All heavy atoms as atom14 arrays in JSON, in Angstrom:
{
  "sequence": "SFVFKEGVDAHAMSARQNMIRIAIRTVVSVCIFLVAMFYPNFESVTAF",
  "atom14_mask": [
    [1, 1, 1, 1, 1, 1, 0, 0, 0, 0, 0, 0, 0, 0],
    [1, 1, 1, 1, 1, 1, 1, 1, 1, 1, 1, 0, 0, 0],
    [1, 1, 1, 1, 1, 1, 1, 0, 0, 0, 0, 0, 0, 0],
    [1, 1, 1, 1, 1, 1, 1, 1, 1, 1, 1, 0, 0, 0],
    [1, 1, 1, 1, 1, 1, 1, 1, 1, 0, 0, 0, 0, 0],
    [1, 1, 1, 1, 1, 1, 1, 1, 1, 0, 0, 0, 0, 0],
    [1, 1, 1, 1, 0, 0, 0, 0, 0, 0, 0, 0, 0, 0],
    [1, 1, 1, 1, 1, 1, 1, 0, 0, 0, 0, 0, 0, 0],
    [1, 1, 1, 1, 1, 1, 1, 1, 0, 0, 0, 0, 0, 0],
    [1, 1, 1, 1, 1, 0, 0, 0, 0, 0, 0, 0, 0, 0],
    [1, 1, 1, 1, 1, 1, 1, 1, 1, 1, 0, 0, 0, 0],
    [1, 1, 1, 1, 1, 0, 0, 0, 0, 0, 0, 0, 0, 0],
    [1, 1, 1, 1, 1, 1, 1, 1, 0, 0, 0, 0, 0, 0],
    [1, 1, 1, 1, 1, 1, 0, 0, 0, 0, 0, 0, 0, 0],
    [1, 1, 1, 1, 1, 0, 0, 0, 0, 0, 0, 0, 0, 0],
    [1, 1, 1, 1, 1, 1, 1, 1, 1, 1, 1, 0, 0, 0],
    [1, 1, 1, 1, 1, 1, 1, 1, 1, 0, 0, 0, 0, 0],
    [1, 1, 1, 1, 1, 1, 1, 1, 0, 0, 0, 0, 0, 0],
    [1, 1, 1, 1, 1, 1, 1, 1, 0, 0, 0, 0, 0, 0],
    [1, 1, 1, 1, 1, 1, 1, 1, 0, 0, 0, 0, 0, 0],
    [1, 1, 1, 1, 1, 1, 1, 1, 1, 1, 1, 0, 0, 0],
    [1, 1, 1, 1, 1, 1, 1, 1, 0, 0, 0, 0, 0, 0],
    [1, 1, 1, 1, 1, 0, 0, 0, 0, 0, 0, 0, 0, 0],
    [1, 1, 1, 1, 1, 1, 1, 1, 0, 0, 0, 0, 0, 0],
    [1, 1, 1, 1, 1, 1, 1, 1, 1, 1, 1, 0, 0, 0],
    [1, 1, 1, 1, 1, 1, 1, 0, 0, 0, 0, 0, 0, 0],
    [1, 1, 1, 1, 1, 1, 1, 0, 0, 0, 0, 0, 0, 0],
    [1, 1, 1, 1, 1, 1, 1, 0, 0, 0, 0, 0, 0, 0],
    [1, 1, 1, 1, 1, 1, 0, 0, 0, 0, 0, 0, 0, 0],
    [1, 1, 1, 1, 1, 1, 1, 0, 0, 0, 0, 0, 0, 0],
    [1, 1, 1, 1, 1, 1, 0, 0, 0, 0, 0, 0, 0, 0],
    [1, 1, 1, 1, 1, 1, 1, 1, 0, 0, 0, 0, 0, 0],
    [1, 1, 1, 1, 1, 1, 1, 1, 1, 1, 1, 0, 0, 0],
    [1, 1, 1, 1, 1, 1, 1, 1, 0, 0, 0, 0, 0, 0],
    [1, 1, 1, 1, 1, 1, 1, 0, 0, 0, 0, 0, 0, 0],
    [1, 1, 1, 1, 1, 0, 0, 0, 0, 0, 0, 0, 0, 0],
    [1, 1, 1, 1, 1, 1, 1, 1, 0, 0, 0, 0, 0, 0],
    [1, 1, 1, 1, 1, 1, 1, 1, 1, 1, 1, 0, 0, 0],
    [1, 1, 1, 1, 1, 1, 1, 1, 1, 1, 1, 1, 0, 0],
    [1, 1, 1, 1, 1, 1, 1, 0, 0, 0, 0, 0, 0, 0],
    [1, 1, 1, 1, 1, 1, 1, 1, 0, 0, 0, 0, 0, 0],
    [1, 1, 1, 1, 1, 1, 1, 1, 1, 1, 1, 0, 0, 0],
    [1, 1, 1, 1, 1, 1, 1, 1, 1, 0, 0, 0, 0, 0],
    [1, 1, 1, 1, 1, 1, 0, 0, 0, 0, 0, 0, 0, 0],
    [1, 1, 1, 1, 1, 1, 1, 0, 0, 0, 0, 0, 0, 0],
    [1, 1, 1, 1, 1, 1, 1, 0, 0, 0, 0, 0, 0, 0],
    [1, 1, 1, 1, 1, 0, 0, 0, 0, 0, 0, 0, 0, 0],
    [1, 1, 1, 1, 1, 1, 1, 1, 1, 1, 1, 0, 0, 0]
  ],
  "atom14_positions": [
    [[-37.74, 104.9, 119.78], [-39.1, 104.71, 120.28], [-40.07, 105.66, 119.61], [-41.24, 105.33, 119.42], [-39.14, 104.86, 121.79], [-38.91, 106.21, 122.16], [0.0, 0.0, 0.0], [0.0, 0.0, 0.0], [0.0, 0.0, 0.0], [0.0, 0.0, 0.0], [0.0, 0.0, 0.0], [0.0, 0.0, 0.0], [0.0, 0.0, 0.0], [0.0, 0.0, 0.0]],
    [[-39.62, 106.85, 119.24], [-40.47, 107.79, 118.51], [-40.74, 107.3, 117.09], [-41.85, 107.42, 116.59], [-39.81, 109.17, 118.49], [-40.59, 110.2, 117.73], [-41.74, 110.74, 118.26], [-40.17, 110.62, 116.48], [-42.47, 111.68, 117.56], [-40.89, 111.56, 115.76], [-42.05, 112.08, 116.31], [0.0, 0.0, 0.0], [0.0, 0.0, 0.0], [0.0, 0.0, 0.0]],
    [[-39.73, 106.73, 116.46], [-39.87, 106.27, 115.08], [-40.71, 104.99, 115.0], [-41.61, 104.87, 114.17], [-38.49, 106.05, 114.42], [-38.61, 105.33, 113.09], [-37.79, 107.37, 114.24], [0.0, 0.0, 0.0], [0.0, 0.0, 0.0], [0.0, 0.0, 0.0], [0.0, 0.0, 0.0], [0.0, 0.0, 0.0], [0.0, 0.0, 0.0], [0.0, 0.0, 0.0]],
    [[-40.45, 104.03, 115.88], [-41.13, 102.74, 115.81], [-42.5, 102.74, 116.49], [-43.27, 101.81, 116.32], [-40.25, 101.63, 116.39], [-39.04, 101.34, 115.56], [-37.79, 101.36, 116.12], [-39.16, 101.04, 114.22], [-36.67, 101.08, 115.36], [-38.06, 100.76, 113.45], [-36.8, 100.78, 114.02], [0.0, 0.0, 0.0], [0.0, 0.0, 0.0], [0.0, 0.0, 0.0]],
    [[-42.79, 103.71, 117.31], [-44.07, 103.9, 118.0], [-44.38, 102.83, 119.03], [-45.04, 103.09, 120.0], [-45.25, 103.99, 117.02], [-45.14, 105.1, 116.02], [-45.37, 106.44, 116.67], [-45.44, 107.49, 115.58], [-44.86, 108.73, 115.95], [0.0, 0.0, 0.0], [0.0, 0.0, 0.0], [0.0, 0.0, 0.0], [0.0, 0.0, 0.0], [0.0, 0.0, 0.0]],
    [[-43.98, 101.62, 118.85], [-44.21, 100.57, 119.84], [-42.87, 99.99, 120.25], [-41.89, 100.11, 119.54], [-45.11, 99.46, 119.29], [-44.47, 98.57, 118.27], [-44.63, 99.07, 116.84], [-45.38, 100.01, 116.61], [-43.97, 98.5, 115.97], [0.0, 0.0, 0.0], [0.0, 0.0, 0.0], [0.0, 0.0, 0.0], [0.0, 0.0, 0.0], [0.0, 0.0, 0.0]],
    [[-42.84, 99.39, 121.4], [-41.59, 98.81, 121.88], [-41.2, 97.62, 121.03], [-41.89, 96.62, 121.01], [0.0, 0.0, 0.0], [0.0, 0.0, 0.0], [0.0, 0.0, 0.0], [0.0, 0.0, 0.0], [0.0, 0.0, 0.0], [0.0, 0.0, 0.0], [0.0, 0.0, 0.0], [0.0, 0.0, 0.0], [0.0, 0.0, 0.0], [0.0, 0.0, 0.0]],
    [[-40.11, 97.73, 120.35], [-39.62, 96.64, 119.51], [-38.41, 96.03, 120.2], [-37.47, 96.72, 120.55], [-39.23, 97.15, 118.1], [-38.66, 96.02, 117.27], [-40.43, 97.75, 117.42], [0.0, 0.0, 0.0], [0.0, 0.0, 0.0], [0.0, 0.0, 0.0], [0.0, 0.0, 0.0], [0.0, 0.0, 0.0], [0.0, 0.0, 0.0], [0.0, 0.0, 0.0]],
    [[-38.47, 94.73, 120.41], [-37.36, 94.02, 121.02], [-36.19, 93.97, 120.04], [-36.38, 93.69, 118.85], [-37.8, 92.61, 121.42], [-36.73, 91.87, 122.18], [-35.84, 92.52, 122.75], [-36.79, 90.63, 122.21], [0.0, 0.0, 0.0], [0.0, 0.0, 0.0], [0.0, 0.0, 0.0], [0.0, 0.0, 0.0], [0.0, 0.0, 0.0], [0.0, 0.0, 0.0]],
    [[-35.0, 94.25, 120.53], [-33.83, 94.29, 119.65], [-33.55, 92.92, 119.03], [-33.0, 92.84, 117.94], [-32.61, 94.77, 120.43], [0.0, 0.0, 0.0], [0.0, 0.0, 0.0], [0.0, 0.0, 0.0], [0.0, 0.0, 0.0], [0.0, 0.0, 0.0], [0.0, 0.0, 0.0], [0.0, 0.0, 0.0], [0.0, 0.0, 0.0], [0.0, 0.0, 0.0]],
    [[-33.95, 91.84, 119.7], [-33.69, 90.51, 119.17], [-34.77, 90.06, 118.18], [-34.54, 89.14, 117.4], [-33.6, 89.51, 120.32], [-32.5, 89.83, 121.28], [-31.17, 89.74, 120.95], [-32.53, 90.28, 122.55], [-30.43, 90.1, 121.98], [-31.24, 90.43, 122.97], [0.0, 0.0, 0.0], [0.0, 0.0, 0.0], [0.0, 0.0, 0.0], [0.0, 0.0, 0.0]],
    [[-35.94, 90.7, 118.21], [-37.03, 90.3, 117.33], [-37.23, 91.27, 116.17], [-38.27, 91.29, 115.56], [-38.32, 90.2, 118.15], [0.0, 0.0, 0.0], [0.0, 0.0, 0.0], [0.0, 0.0, 0.0], [0.0, 0.0, 0.0], [0.0, 0.0, 0.0], [0.0, 0.0, 0.0], [0.0, 0.0, 0.0], [0.0, 0.0, 0.0], [0.0, 0.0, 0.0]],
    [[-36.23, 92.06, 115.85], [-36.35, 93.04, 114.78], [-36.18, 92.38, 113.41], [-35.4, 91.44, 113.26], [-35.29, 94.13, 114.91], [-35.52, 95.09, 116.01], [-34.25, 96.35, 115.93], [-35.15, 97.71, 116.59], [0.0, 0.0, 0.0], [0.0, 0.0, 0.0], [0.0, 0.0, 0.0], [0.0, 0.0, 0.0], [0.0, 0.0, 0.0], [0.0, 0.0, 0.0]],
    [[-36.9, 92.92, 112.45], [-36.7, 92.46, 111.08], [-35.45, 93.14, 110.51], [-34.87, 94.03, 111.13], [-37.92, 92.81, 110.23], [-38.03, 94.21, 110.09], [0.0, 0.0, 0.0], [0.0, 0.0, 0.0], [0.0, 0.0, 0.0], [0.0, 0.0, 0.0], [0.0, 0.0, 0.0], [0.0, 0.0, 0.0], [0.0, 0.0, 0.0], [0.0, 0.0, 0.0]],
    [[-35.05, 92.72, 109.34], [-33.86, 93.3, 108.72], [-34.08, 94.78, 108.41], [-33.17, 95.6, 108.57], [-33.49, 92.54, 107.46], [0.0, 0.0, 0.0], [0.0, 0.0, 0.0], [0.0, 0.0, 0.0], [0.0, 0.0, 0.0], [0.0, 0.0, 0.0], [0.0, 0.0, 0.0], [0.0, 0.0, 0.0], [0.0, 0.0, 0.0], [0.0, 0.0, 0.0]],
    [[-35.3, 95.13, 107.99], [-35.61, 96.53, 107.68], [-35.55, 97.39, 108.93], [-34.99, 98.49, 108.92], [-37.0, 96.61, 107.04], [-37.39, 98.01, 106.64], [-38.75, 98.0, 105.93], [-39.12, 99.31, 105.51], [-39.82, 100.17, 106.24], [-40.2, 99.82, 107.44], [-40.12, 101.36, 105.78], [0.0, 0.0, 0.0], [0.0, 0.0, 0.0], [0.0, 0.0, 0.0]],
    [[-36.13, 96.91, 110.02], [-36.09, 97.66, 111.28], [-34.66, 97.8, 111.8], [-34.3, 98.84, 112.35], [-36.97, 96.98, 112.33], [-38.44, 97.11, 112.07], [-39.26, 96.32, 113.06], [-38.82, 95.29, 113.57], [-40.47, 96.8, 113.33], [0.0, 0.0, 0.0], [0.0, 0.0, 0.0], [0.0, 0.0, 0.0], [0.0, 0.0, 0.0], [0.0, 0.0, 0.0]],
    [[-33.87, 96.76, 111.61], [-32.48, 96.82, 112.04], [-31.7, 97.86, 111.24], [-30.88, 98.59, 111.79], [-31.84, 95.44, 111.93], [-30.62, 95.33, 112.8], [-30.42, 96.12, 113.72], [-29.79, 94.36, 112.5], [0.0, 0.0, 0.0], [0.0, 0.0, 0.0], [0.0, 0.0, 0.0], [0.0, 0.0, 0.0], [0.0, 0.0, 0.0], [0.0, 0.0, 0.0]],
    [[-31.96, 97.95, 109.93], [-31.29, 98.95, 109.11], [-31.73, 100.37, 109.5], [-30.9, 101.29, 109.53], [-31.58, 98.69, 107.62], [-30.94, 97.43, 107.08], [-29.16, 97.41, 107.26], [-28.71, 98.66, 106.11], [0.0, 0.0, 0.0], [0.0, 0.0, 0.0], [0.0, 0.0, 0.0], [0.0, 0.0, 0.0], [0.0, 0.0, 0.0], [0.0, 0.0, 0.0]],
    [[-33.01, 100.54, 109.82], [-33.49, 101.84, 110.28], [-32.83, 102.21, 111.6], [-32.43, 103.36, 111.82], [-35.03, 101.84, 110.41], [-35.67, 101.73, 109.03], [-35.53, 103.08, 111.13], [-37.17, 101.51, 109.06], [0.0, 0.0, 0.0], [0.0, 0.0, 0.0], [0.0, 0.0, 0.0], [0.0, 0.0, 0.0], [0.0, 0.0, 0.0], [0.0, 0.0, 0.0]],
    [[-32.68, 101.23, 112.47], [-32.03, 101.46, 113.76], [-30.58, 101.9, 113.58], [-30.11, 102.83, 114.23], [-32.11, 100.17, 114.58], [-31.56, 100.29, 115.96], [-31.84, 98.99, 116.71], [-31.32, 99.1, 118.05], [-30.46, 98.25, 118.58], [-30.05, 97.23, 117.88], [-30.02, 98.43, 119.79], [0.0, 0.0, 0.0], [0.0, 0.0, 0.0], [0.0, 0.0, 0.0]],
    [[-29.87, 101.25, 112.68], [-28.49, 101.62, 112.4], [-28.42, 103.02, 111.81], [-27.55, 103.83, 112.17], [-27.83, 100.58, 111.47], [-27.65, 99.26, 112.21], [-26.5, 101.08, 110.93], [-27.23, 98.11, 111.33], [0.0, 0.0, 0.0], [0.0, 0.0, 0.0], [0.0, 0.0, 0.0], [0.0, 0.0, 0.0], [0.0, 0.0, 0.0], [0.0, 0.0, 0.0]],
    [[-29.36, 103.35, 110.92], [-29.38, 104.68, 110.31], [-29.67, 105.76, 111.35], [-29.05, 106.83, 111.34], [-30.43, 104.73, 109.2], [0.0, 0.0, 0.0], [0.0, 0.0, 0.0], [0.0, 0.0, 0.0], [0.0, 0.0, 0.0], [0.0, 0.0, 0.0], [0.0, 0.0, 0.0], [0.0, 0.0, 0.0], [0.0, 0.0, 0.0], [0.0, 0.0, 0.0]],
    [[-30.58, 105.48, 112.27], [-30.9, 106.45, 113.34], [-29.67, 106.7, 114.19], [-29.33, 107.85, 114.5], [-32.08, 105.94, 114.19], [-33.37, 106.03, 113.41], [-32.18, 106.73, 115.5], [-34.54, 105.35, 114.09], [0.0, 0.0, 0.0], [0.0, 0.0, 0.0], [0.0, 0.0, 0.0], [0.0, 0.0, 0.0], [0.0, 0.0, 0.0], [0.0, 0.0, 0.0]],
    [[-29.0, 105.66, 114.59], [-27.82, 105.82, 115.44], [-26.7, 106.55, 114.71], [-25.98, 107.35, 115.3], [-27.35, 104.46, 115.94], [-28.33, 103.88, 116.95], [-27.95, 102.51, 117.41], [-28.93, 102.04, 118.37], [-28.77, 102.12, 119.69], [-27.68, 102.61, 120.19], [-29.72, 101.69, 120.5], [0.0, 0.0, 0.0], [0.0, 0.0, 0.0], [0.0, 0.0, 0.0]],
    [[-26.57, 106.31, 113.41], [-25.55, 107.02, 112.63], [-25.89, 108.5, 112.51], [-25.02, 109.36, 112.69], [-25.43, 106.38, 111.24], [-25.11, 105.0, 111.39], [-24.35, 107.06, 110.43], [0.0, 0.0, 0.0], [0.0, 0.0, 0.0], [0.0, 0.0, 0.0], [0.0, 0.0, 0.0], [0.0, 0.0, 0.0], [0.0, 0.0, 0.0], [0.0, 0.0, 0.0]],
    [[-27.16, 108.81, 112.23], [-27.57, 110.21, 112.1], [-27.41, 110.96, 113.42], [-26.93, 112.1, 113.44], [-29.03, 110.29, 111.57], [-29.59, 111.68, 111.7], [-29.09, 109.82, 110.14], [0.0, 0.0, 0.0], [0.0, 0.0, 0.0], [0.0, 0.0, 0.0], [0.0, 0.0, 0.0], [0.0, 0.0, 0.0], [0.0, 0.0, 0.0], [0.0, 0.0, 0.0]],
    [[-27.77, 110.33, 114.53], [-27.61, 110.98, 115.84], [-26.13, 111.26, 116.11], [-25.76, 112.35, 116.56], [-28.24, 110.12, 116.96], [-27.82, 110.61, 118.33], [-29.75, 110.12, 116.84], [0.0, 0.0, 0.0], [0.0, 0.0, 0.0], [0.0, 0.0, 0.0], [0.0, 0.0, 0.0], [0.0, 0.0, 0.0], [0.0, 0.0, 0.0], [0.0, 0.0, 0.0]],
    [[-25.28, 110.31, 115.82], [-23.84, 110.5, 116.03], [-23.28, 111.6, 115.15], [-22.47, 112.42, 115.6], [-23.09, 109.19, 115.77], [-23.48, 108.22, 116.69], [0.0, 0.0, 0.0], [0.0, 0.0, 0.0], [0.0, 0.0, 0.0], [0.0, 0.0, 0.0], [0.0, 0.0, 0.0], [0.0, 0.0, 0.0], [0.0, 0.0, 0.0], [0.0, 0.0, 0.0]],
    [[-23.7, 111.64, 113.89], [-23.23, 112.68, 112.98], [-23.72, 114.06, 113.43], [-22.97, 115.04, 113.39], [-23.67, 112.37, 111.53], [-23.46, 113.56, 110.62], [-22.91, 111.16, 111.01], [0.0, 0.0, 0.0], [0.0, 0.0, 0.0], [0.0, 0.0, 0.0], [0.0, 0.0, 0.0], [0.0, 0.0, 0.0], [0.0, 0.0, 0.0], [0.0, 0.0, 0.0]],
    [[-24.97, 114.13, 113.9], [-25.5, 115.41, 114.4], [-24.7, 115.9, 115.61], [-24.37, 117.09, 115.7], [-26.97, 115.29, 114.75], [-28.05, 115.15, 113.33], [0.0, 0.0, 0.0], [0.0, 0.0, 0.0], [0.0, 0.0, 0.0], [0.0, 0.0, 0.0], [0.0, 0.0, 0.0], [0.0, 0.0, 0.0], [0.0, 0.0, 0.0], [0.0, 0.0, 0.0]],
    [[-24.39, 115.01, 116.52], [-23.59, 115.39, 117.69], [-22.2, 115.83, 117.25], [-21.66, 116.81, 117.77], [-23.53, 114.23, 118.69], [-24.91, 114.02, 119.31], [-22.5, 114.49, 119.77], [-25.02, 112.79, 120.16], [0.0, 0.0, 0.0], [0.0, 0.0, 0.0], [0.0, 0.0, 0.0], [0.0, 0.0, 0.0], [0.0, 0.0, 0.0], [0.0, 0.0, 0.0]],
    [[-21.63, 115.13, 116.29], [-20.32, 115.51, 115.77], [-20.36, 116.9, 115.14], [-19.47, 117.72, 115.36], [-19.84, 114.48, 114.76], [-18.57, 114.85, 114.07], [-17.36, 114.77, 114.74], [-18.58, 115.29, 112.76], [-16.18, 115.13, 114.11], [-17.42, 115.64, 112.12], [-16.2, 115.56, 112.8], [0.0, 0.0, 0.0], [0.0, 0.0, 0.0], [0.0, 0.0, 0.0]],
    [[-21.39, 117.18, 114.34], [-21.5, 118.49, 113.69], [-21.7, 119.61, 114.7], [-21.12, 120.7, 114.55], [-22.63, 118.47, 112.66], [-22.38, 117.62, 111.43], [-23.61, 117.58, 110.54], [-21.17, 118.13, 110.65], [0.0, 0.0, 0.0], [0.0, 0.0, 0.0], [0.0, 0.0, 0.0], [0.0, 0.0, 0.0], [0.0, 0.0, 0.0], [0.0, 0.0, 0.0]],
    [[-22.5, 119.38, 115.72], [-22.66, 120.39, 116.77], [-21.33, 120.65, 117.46], [-20.96, 121.8, 117.72], [-23.74, 119.95, 117.78], [-23.73, 120.83, 119.01], [-25.11, 119.99, 117.14], [0.0, 0.0, 0.0], [0.0, 0.0, 0.0], [0.0, 0.0, 0.0], [0.0, 0.0, 0.0], [0.0, 0.0, 0.0], [0.0, 0.0, 0.0], [0.0, 0.0, 0.0]],
    [[-20.6, 119.59, 117.75], [-19.3, 119.75, 118.41], [-18.3, 120.48, 117.52], [-17.45, 121.23, 118.01], [-18.73, 118.39, 118.8], [0.0, 0.0, 0.0], [0.0, 0.0, 0.0], [0.0, 0.0, 0.0], [0.0, 0.0, 0.0], [0.0, 0.0, 0.0], [0.0, 0.0, 0.0], [0.0, 0.0, 0.0], [0.0, 0.0, 0.0], [0.0, 0.0, 0.0]],
    [[-18.4, 120.29, 116.21], [-17.45, 120.95, 115.3], [-17.77, 122.43, 115.1], [-16.86, 123.26, 115.04], [-17.47, 120.26, 113.93], [-16.81, 118.9, 113.93], [-15.06, 118.96, 114.28], [-14.48, 119.81, 112.85], [0.0, 0.0, 0.0], [0.0, 0.0, 0.0], [0.0, 0.0, 0.0], [0.0, 0.0, 0.0], [0.0, 0.0, 0.0], [0.0, 0.0, 0.0]],
    [[-19.05, 122.77, 114.99], [-19.42, 124.13, 114.61], [-19.83, 125.03, 115.77], [-19.94, 126.23, 115.6], [-20.54, 124.1, 113.56], [-20.08, 123.5, 112.27], [-20.62, 122.31, 111.81], [-19.08, 124.1, 111.52], [-20.2, 121.75, 110.62], [-18.64, 123.54, 110.34], [-19.2, 122.36, 109.89], [0.0, 0.0, 0.0], [0.0, 0.0, 0.0], [0.0, 0.0, 0.0]],
    [[-20.08, 124.46, 116.94], [-20.45, 125.27, 118.09], [-19.2, 125.61, 118.87], [-18.52, 124.72, 119.39], [-21.45, 124.51, 118.97], [-22.01, 125.34, 120.08], [-22.94, 126.32, 119.86], [-21.58, 125.14, 121.38], [-23.45, 127.08, 120.87], [-22.07, 125.89, 122.41], [-23.01, 126.87, 122.15], [-23.51, 127.62, 123.18], [0.0, 0.0, 0.0], [0.0, 0.0, 0.0]],
    [[-18.85, 126.9, 118.97], [-17.62, 127.25, 119.68], [-17.75, 126.95, 121.18], [-18.81, 127.14, 121.77], [-17.46, 128.75, 119.43], [-18.81, 129.23, 119.05], [-19.53, 128.07, 118.44], [0.0, 0.0, 0.0], [0.0, 0.0, 0.0], [0.0, 0.0, 0.0], [0.0, 0.0, 0.0], [0.0, 0.0, 0.0], [0.0, 0.0, 0.0], [0.0, 0.0, 0.0]],
    [[-16.69, 126.48, 121.76], [-16.62, 126.15, 123.2], [-17.63, 125.08, 123.59], [-18.18, 125.12, 124.7], [-16.81, 127.4, 124.04], [-15.72, 128.42, 123.79], [-14.57, 128.05, 123.53], [-16.07, 129.68, 123.82], [0.0, 0.0, 0.0], [0.0, 0.0, 0.0], [0.0, 0.0, 0.0], [0.0, 0.0, 0.0], [0.0, 0.0, 0.0], [0.0, 0.0, 0.0]],
    [[-17.87, 124.14, 122.72], [-18.82, 123.05, 123.02], [-18.33, 122.24, 124.22], [-19.13, 121.81, 125.04], [-18.97, 122.15, 121.8], [-19.93, 121.02, 121.98], [-21.29, 121.27, 122.05], [-19.49, 119.72, 122.09], [-22.18, 120.23, 122.22], [-20.37, 118.68, 122.26], [-21.72, 118.93, 122.32], [0.0, 0.0, 0.0], [0.0, 0.0, 0.0], [0.0, 0.0, 0.0]],
    [[-17.03, 122.08, 124.35], [-16.51, 121.3, 125.48], [-16.76, 122.0, 126.81], [-16.97, 121.36, 127.83], [-15.01, 121.0, 125.31], [-14.09, 122.21, 125.43], [-13.96, 123.03, 124.17], [-14.52, 122.66, 123.13], [-13.26, 124.04, 124.22], [0.0, 0.0, 0.0], [0.0, 0.0, 0.0], [0.0, 0.0, 0.0], [0.0, 0.0, 0.0], [0.0, 0.0, 0.0]],
    [[-16.79, 123.33, 126.8], [-17.09, 124.06, 128.03], [-18.54, 123.87, 128.45], [-18.85, 123.71, 129.63], [-16.81, 125.55, 127.85], [-15.47, 125.77, 127.54], [0.0, 0.0, 0.0], [0.0, 0.0, 0.0], [0.0, 0.0, 0.0], [0.0, 0.0, 0.0], [0.0, 0.0, 0.0], [0.0, 0.0, 0.0], [0.0, 0.0, 0.0], [0.0, 0.0, 0.0]],
    [[-19.43, 123.85, 127.47], [-20.85, 123.64, 127.77], [-21.07, 122.23, 128.31], [-21.77, 122.04, 129.31], [-21.71, 123.89, 126.51], [-23.16, 123.52, 126.75], [-21.6, 125.33, 126.07], [0.0, 0.0, 0.0], [0.0, 0.0, 0.0], [0.0, 0.0, 0.0], [0.0, 0.0, 0.0], [0.0, 0.0, 0.0], [0.0, 0.0, 0.0], [0.0, 0.0, 0.0]],
    [[-20.47, 121.24, 127.67], [-20.65, 119.87, 128.14], [-19.99, 119.66, 129.5], [-20.52, 118.92, 130.33], [-20.1, 118.86, 127.13], [-18.73, 119.16, 126.86], [-20.9, 118.88, 125.85], [0.0, 0.0, 0.0], [0.0, 0.0, 0.0], [0.0, 0.0, 0.0], [0.0, 0.0, 0.0], [0.0, 0.0, 0.0], [0.0, 0.0, 0.0], [0.0, 0.0, 0.0]],
    [[-18.86, 120.31, 129.76], [-18.23, 120.21, 131.07], [-19.11, 120.84, 132.14], [-19.26, 120.29, 133.25], [-16.86, 120.87, 131.05], [0.0, 0.0, 0.0], [0.0, 0.0, 0.0], [0.0, 0.0, 0.0], [0.0, 0.0, 0.0], [0.0, 0.0, 0.0], [0.0, 0.0, 0.0], [0.0, 0.0, 0.0], [0.0, 0.0, 0.0], [0.0, 0.0, 0.0]],
    [[-19.72, 121.98, 131.83], [-20.62, 122.63, 132.79], [-21.85, 121.75, 133.07], [-22.25, 121.59, 134.22], [-21.06, 124.0, 132.27], [-22.06, 124.68, 133.14], [-21.68, 125.23, 134.35], [-23.39, 124.75, 132.76], [-22.6, 125.84, 135.17], [-24.32, 125.36, 133.57], [-23.93, 125.92, 134.78], [0.0, 0.0, 0.0], [0.0, 0.0, 0.0], [0.0, 0.0, 0.0]]
  ]
}
């Protein structure tokens, strides 16, 4: 929603918007993975 600025329906997206959406989801997942790998005791923080 921050990137697209307006509410874009998932079914009415163009191919370019769909690729951006996939890239955003991949980057968010990779960032979460990197934080989990490099932050010591990440599981304790998430459990708390």
